[in-house]
């Protein structure tokens, strides 16, 4: 996946939202800042409702979990990380949907669906037994659920929000 970058318009929108909440010290030596506790308010202004764990994760992943204040560059990094995660979730779901064999609430991937995918891509050298081994490595009971697929693709459990 290509590196995610915000457009100029997105950065300008983030700057406007940030400035609404930012503390301005009225001093040329200090930048405008927000408190980490104000992140939820900024997200809400953008129509996003993250939970406490998600916000804590975004701060920690950007080495800001102990910061007393956040500048615009910090906020921009957090938002870029959030948008990147959102895009990644959508890509992983699309990949899973391409492989799933069930329309139920708990869709699954089977060895046969993996074999069908490889065949549709012109890869005729993979066998059903090899696909069985893939499922054995990643799945349970001869199939792979969305939760397990997500965990292997993303490296963490899927949050069912």
C-alpha atoms as a PDB file:
ATOM      1  CA  UNK A   1       0.000   0.000   0.000  1.00  0.00           C
ATOM      2  CA  UNK A   2       1.276   3.481  -0.854  1.00  0.00           C
ATOM      3  CA  UNK A   3       2.136   5.949   1.871  1.00  0.00           C
ATOM      4  CA  UNK A   4      -0.898   7.985   2.903  1.00  0.00           C
ATOM      5  CA  UNK A   5      -0.545  11.763   2.625  1.00  0.00           C
ATOM      6  CA  UNK A   6      -3.093  14.428   3.367  1.00  0.00           C
ATOM      7  CA  UNK A   7      -4.019  16.793   0.559  1.00  0.00           C
ATOM      8  CA  UNK A   8      -3.495  20.540   0.924  1.00  0.00           C
ATOM      9  CA  UNK A   9      -7.251  20.979   1.354  1.00  0.00           C
ATOM     10  CA  UNK A  10      -7.347  18.337   4.093  1.00  0.00           C
ATOM     11  CA  UNK A  11      -4.441  20.000   5.891  1.00  0.00           C
ATOM     12  CA  UNK A  12      -6.175  23.391   5.622  1.00  0.00           C
ATOM     13  CA  UNK A  13      -9.386  21.876   7.038  1.00  0.00           C
ATOM     14  CA  UNK A  14      -7.468  20.328   9.920  1.00  0.00           C
ATOM     15  CA  UNK A  15      -5.742  23.662  10.583  1.00  0.00           C
ATOM     16  CA  UNK A  16      -9.103  25.472  10.747  1.00  0.00           C
ATOM     17  CA  UNK A  17     -10.537  22.920  13.177  1.00  0.00           C
ATOM     18  CA  UNK A  18      -7.348  22.964  15.251  1.00  0.00           C
ATOM     19  CA  UNK A  19      -7.393  26.768  15.458  1.00  0.00           C
ATOM     20  CA  UNK A  20     -10.935  26.779  16.862  1.00  0.00           C
ATOM     21  CA  UNK A  21      -9.772  24.891  19.939  1.00  0.00           C
ATOM     22  CA  UNK A  22      -6.085  25.817  20.141  1.00  0.00           C
ATOM     23  CA  UNK A  23      -4.686  27.883  22.942  1.00  0.00           C
ATOM     24  CA  UNK A  24      -2.896  30.932  21.568  1.00  0.00           C
ATOM     25  CA  UNK A  25      -0.262  32.274  23.930  1.00  0.00           C
ATOM     26  CA  UNK A  26      -0.164  35.563  22.007  1.00  0.00           C
ATOM     27  CA  UNK A  27       3.576  35.311  21.952  1.00  0.00           C
ATOM     28  CA  UNK A  28       5.705  34.904  18.856  1.00  0.00           C
ATOM     29  CA  UNK A  29       7.841  32.264  20.593  1.00  0.00           C
ATOM     30  CA  UNK A  30       5.010  29.821  21.250  1.00  0.00           C
ATOM     31  CA  UNK A  31       2.913  27.896  18.791  1.00  0.00           C
ATOM     32  CA  UNK A  32      -0.799  27.333  19.209  1.00  0.00           C
ATOM     33  CA  UNK A  33      -1.455  24.122  21.101  1.00  0.00           C
ATOM     34  CA  UNK A  34      -4.249  21.908  22.339  1.00  0.00           C
ATOM     35  CA  UNK A  35      -4.473  19.661  25.341  1.00  0.00           C
ATOM     36  CA  UNK A  36      -4.572  15.922  24.636  1.00  0.00           C
ATOM     37  CA  UNK A  37      -7.972  15.862  26.366  1.00  0.00           C
ATOM     38  CA  UNK A  38      -9.305  18.137  23.590  1.00  0.00           C
ATOM     39  CA  UNK A  39      -8.650  15.572  20.852  1.00  0.00           C
ATOM     40  CA  UNK A  40     -12.140  14.081  21.200  1.00  0.00           C
ATOM     41  CA  UNK A  41     -13.654  17.533  20.598  1.00  0.00           C
ATOM     42  CA  UNK A  42     -11.550  18.015  17.464  1.00  0.00           C
ATOM     43  CA  UNK A  43     -12.479  14.582  16.150  1.00  0.00           C
ATOM     44  CA  UNK A  44     -16.155  15.365  16.804  1.00  0.00           C
ATOM     45  CA  UNK A  45     -15.835  18.580  14.786  1.00  0.00           C
ATOM     46  CA  UNK A  46     -14.690  16.361  11.918  1.00  0.00           C
ATOM     47  CA  UNK A  47     -17.646  14.001  12.382  1.00  0.00           C
ATOM     48  CA  UNK A  48     -15.554  11.240  13.964  1.00  0.00           C
ATOM     49  CA  UNK A  49     -16.468   9.598  17.283  1.00  0.00           C
ATOM     50  CA  UNK A  50     -13.424   7.651  18.537  1.00  0.00           C
ATOM     51  CA  UNK A  51     -13.582   5.883  21.876  1.00  0.00           C
ATOM     52  CA  UNK A  52     -11.099   6.432  24.687  1.00  0.00           C
ATOM     53  CA  UNK A  53      -8.990   3.387  23.767  1.00  0.00           C
ATOM     54  CA  UNK A  54      -8.713   4.485  20.139  1.00  0.00           C
ATOM     55  CA  UNK A  55      -7.562   7.974  21.160  1.00  0.00           C
ATOM     56  CA  UNK A  56      -5.059   6.525  23.621  1.00  0.00           C
ATOM     57  CA  UNK A  57      -3.756   4.225  20.883  1.00  0.00           C
ATOM     58  CA  UNK A  58      -3.336   7.096  18.438  1.00  0.00           C
ATOM     59  CA  UNK A  59      -1.411   9.099  21.040  1.00  0.00           C
ATOM     60  CA  UNK A  60       0.767   6.121  21.988  1.00  0.00           C
ATOM     61  CA  UNK A  61       1.475   5.153  18.381  1.00  0.00           C
ATOM     62  CA  UNK A  62       2.724   8.683  17.765  1.00  0.00           C
ATOM     63  CA  UNK A  63       4.790   8.754  21.006  1.00  0.00           C
ATOM     64  CA  UNK A  64       2.534  11.452  22.449  1.00  0.00           C
ATOM     65  CA  UNK A  65       0.916   9.553  25.324  1.00  0.00           C
ATOM     66  CA  UNK A  66       2.757  11.664  27.913  1.00  0.00           C
ATOM     67  CA  UNK A  67       2.544  15.008  26.121  1.00  0.00           C
ATOM     68  CA  UNK A  68       1.082  17.930  28.062  1.00  0.00           C
ATOM     69  CA  UNK A  69       0.255  19.858  24.886  1.00  0.00           C
ATOM     70  CA  UNK A  70      -0.056  19.048  21.196  1.00  0.00           C
ATOM     71  CA  UNK A  71       0.937  21.365  18.379  1.00  0.00           C
ATOM     72  CA  UNK A  72      -0.627  21.348  14.933  1.00  0.00           C
ATOM     73  CA  UNK A  73       2.075  19.027  13.563  1.00  0.00           C
ATOM     74  CA  UNK A  74       1.240  16.526  16.326  1.00  0.00           C
ATOM     75  CA  UNK A  75      -2.467  16.802  15.520  1.00  0.00           C
ATOM     76  CA  UNK A  76      -1.794  16.402  11.805  1.00  0.00           C
ATOM     77  CA  UNK A  77       0.298  13.273  12.475  1.00  0.00           C
ATOM     78  CA  UNK A  78      -2.481  11.804  14.632  1.00  0.00           C
ATOM     79  CA  UNK A  79      -5.110  12.521  11.972  1.00  0.00           C
ATOM     80  CA  UNK A  80      -2.930  11.068   9.204  1.00  0.00           C
ATOM     81  CA  UNK A  81      -2.493   7.929  11.314  1.00  0.00           C
ATOM     82  CA  UNK A  82      -6.264   7.753  11.889  1.00  0.00           C
ATOM     83  CA  UNK A  83      -7.050   8.117   8.167  1.00  0.00           C
ATOM     84  CA  UNK A  84      -4.383   5.560   7.282  1.00  0.00           C
ATOM     85  CA  UNK A  85      -5.921   3.042   9.701  1.00  0.00           C
ATOM     86  CA  UNK A  86      -9.382   3.696   8.292  1.00  0.00           C
ATOM     87  CA  UNK A  87      -8.157   3.162   4.720  1.00  0.00           C
ATOM     88  CA  UNK A  88      -6.311   0.007   5.747  1.00  0.00           C
ATOM     89  CA  UNK A  89      -9.445  -1.402   7.419  1.00  0.00           C
ATOM     90  CA  UNK A  90     -11.436  -0.823   4.222  1.00  0.00           C
ATOM     91  CA  UNK A  91      -8.766  -2.497   2.065  1.00  0.00           C
ATOM     92  CA  UNK A  92      -8.617  -5.514   4.365  1.00  0.00           C
ATOM     93  CA  UNK A  93     -12.426  -5.835   4.332  1.00  0.00           C
ATOM     94  CA  UNK A  94     -12.433  -5.703   0.508  1.00  0.00           C
ATOM     95  CA  UNK A  95      -9.817  -8.460   0.373  1.00  0.00           C
ATOM     96  CA  UNK A  96     -11.849 -10.587   2.774  1.00  0.00           C
ATOM     97  CA  UNK A  97     -15.077  -9.992   0.844  1.00  0.00           C
ATOM     98  CA  UNK A  98     -13.354 -11.213  -2.327  1.00  0.00           C
ATOM     99  CA  UNK A  99     -12.522 -14.516  -0.605  1.00  0.00           C
ATOM    100  CA  UNK A 100     -15.555 -15.157   1.587  1.00  0.00           C
ATOM    101  CA  UNK A 101     -17.912 -18.021   0.875  1.00  0.00           C
ATOM    102  CA  UNK A 102     -20.763 -17.173   3.233  1.00  0.00           C
ATOM    103  CA  UNK A 103     -23.231 -14.291   3.264  1.00  0.00           C
ATOM    104  CA  UNK A 104     -24.068 -14.911   6.930  1.00  0.00           C
ATOM    105  CA  UNK A 105     -23.292 -12.567   9.815  1.00  0.00           C
ATOM    106  CA  UNK A 106     -20.114 -14.573  10.431  1.00  0.00           C
ATOM    107  CA  UNK A 107     -18.636 -14.868   6.939  1.00  0.00           C
ATOM    108  CA  UNK A 108     -15.800 -17.319   6.419  1.00  0.00           C
ATOM    109  CA  UNK A 109     -13.011 -18.127   3.998  1.00  0.00           C
ATOM    110  CA  UNK A 110     -12.404 -21.769   3.074  1.00  0.00           C
ATOM    111  CA  UNK A 111      -9.571 -23.588   1.341  1.00  0.00           C
ATOM    112  CA  UNK A 112     -11.758 -23.816  -1.765  1.00  0.00           C
ATOM    113  CA  UNK A 113     -12.307 -20.037  -1.889  1.00  0.00           C
ATOM    114  CA  UNK A 114      -8.543 -19.466  -1.666  1.00  0.00           C
ATOM    115  CA  UNK A 115      -7.983 -21.985  -4.469  1.00  0.00           C
ATOM    116  CA  UNK A 116     -10.683 -20.279  -6.573  1.00  0.00           C
ATOM    117  CA  UNK A 117      -9.000 -16.904  -6.053  1.00  0.00           C
ATOM    118  CA  UNK A 118      -5.597 -18.203  -7.133  1.00  0.00           C
ATOM    119  CA  UNK A 119      -7.189 -19.892 -10.163  1.00  0.00           C
ATOM    120  CA  UNK A 120      -8.975 -16.679 -11.160  1.00  0.00           C
ATOM    121  CA  UNK A 121      -5.600 -14.912 -11.058  1.00  0.00           C
ATOM    122  CA  UNK A 122      -4.122 -17.500 -13.417  1.00  0.00           C
ATOM    123  CA  UNK A 123      -2.126 -19.264 -10.710  1.00  0.00           C
ATOM    124  CA  UNK A 124      -2.705 -22.932 -11.472  1.00  0.00           C
ATOM    125  CA  UNK A 125       0.252 -24.335  -9.501  1.00  0.00           C
ATOM    126  CA  UNK A 126      -1.333 -24.111  -6.042  1.00  0.00           C
ATOM    127  CA  UNK A 127      -3.209 -27.186  -4.853  1.00  0.00           C
ATOM    128  CA  UNK A 128      -6.206 -27.580  -2.579  1.00  0.00           C
ATOM    129  CA  UNK A 129      -3.890 -29.258  -0.056  1.00  0.00           C
ATOM    130  CA  UNK A 130      -1.695 -26.143   0.015  1.00  0.00           C
ATOM    131  CA  UNK A 131      -4.786 -24.016   0.558  1.00  0.00           C
ATOM    132  CA  UNK A 132      -5.777 -26.390   3.388  1.00  0.00           C
ATOM    133  CA  UNK A 133      -2.387 -25.698   5.002  1.00  0.00           C
ATOM    134  CA  UNK A 134      -2.982 -21.945   4.717  1.00  0.00           C
ATOM    135  CA  UNK A 135      -6.311 -22.340   6.527  1.00  0.00           C
ATOM    136  CA  UNK A 136      -4.703 -24.615   9.146  1.00  0.00           C
ATOM    137  CA  UNK A 137      -2.049 -21.988   9.821  1.00  0.00           C
ATOM    138  CA  UNK A 138      -4.407 -19.023  10.004  1.00  0.00           C
ATOM    139  CA  UNK A 139      -7.875 -20.372  10.730  1.00  0.00           C
ATOM    140  CA  UNK A 140      -9.766 -22.780  12.911  1.00  0.00           C
ATOM    141  CA  UNK A 141     -12.034 -25.736  12.102  1.00  0.00           C
ATOM    142  CA  UNK A 142     -11.249 -25.683   8.386  1.00  0.00           C
ATOM    143  CA  UNK A 143     -12.160 -22.049   7.801  1.00  0.00           C
ATOM    144  CA  UNK A 144     -10.964 -18.536   8.462  1.00  0.00           C
ATOM    145  CA  UNK A 145     -13.284 -15.993  10.103  1.00  0.00           C
ATOM    146  CA  UNK A 146     -13.183 -12.234   9.571  1.00  0.00           C
ATOM    147  CA  UNK A 147     -11.659 -11.720  13.037  1.00  0.00           C
ATOM    148  CA  UNK A 148      -8.770 -14.123  12.368  1.00  0.00           C
ATOM    149  CA  UNK A 149      -8.252 -12.788   8.834  1.00  0.00           C
ATOM    150  CA  UNK A 150      -8.077  -9.206  10.166  1.00  0.00           C
ATOM    151  CA  UNK A 151      -5.697 -10.215  12.944  1.00  0.00           C
ATOM    152  CA  UNK A 152      -3.285 -11.800  10.461  1.00  0.00           C
ATOM    153  CA  UNK A 153      -3.515  -8.940   7.975  1.00  0.00           C
ATOM    154  CA  UNK A 154      -3.354  -6.058  10.468  1.00  0.00           C
ATOM    155  CA  UNK A 155      -1.472  -7.600  13.377  1.00  0.00           C
ATOM    156  CA  UNK A 156      -4.176  -6.886  15.961  1.00  0.00           C
ATOM    157  CA  UNK A 157      -7.727  -7.864  16.824  1.00  0.00           C
ATOM    158  CA  UNK A 158     -10.652  -6.292  14.995  1.00  0.00           C
ATOM    159  CA  UNK A 159     -12.663  -3.833  17.096  1.00  0.00           C
ATOM    160  CA  UNK A 160     -16.371  -4.521  16.426  1.00  0.00           C
ATOM    161  CA  UNK A 161     -17.648  -0.939  16.682  1.00  0.00           C
END
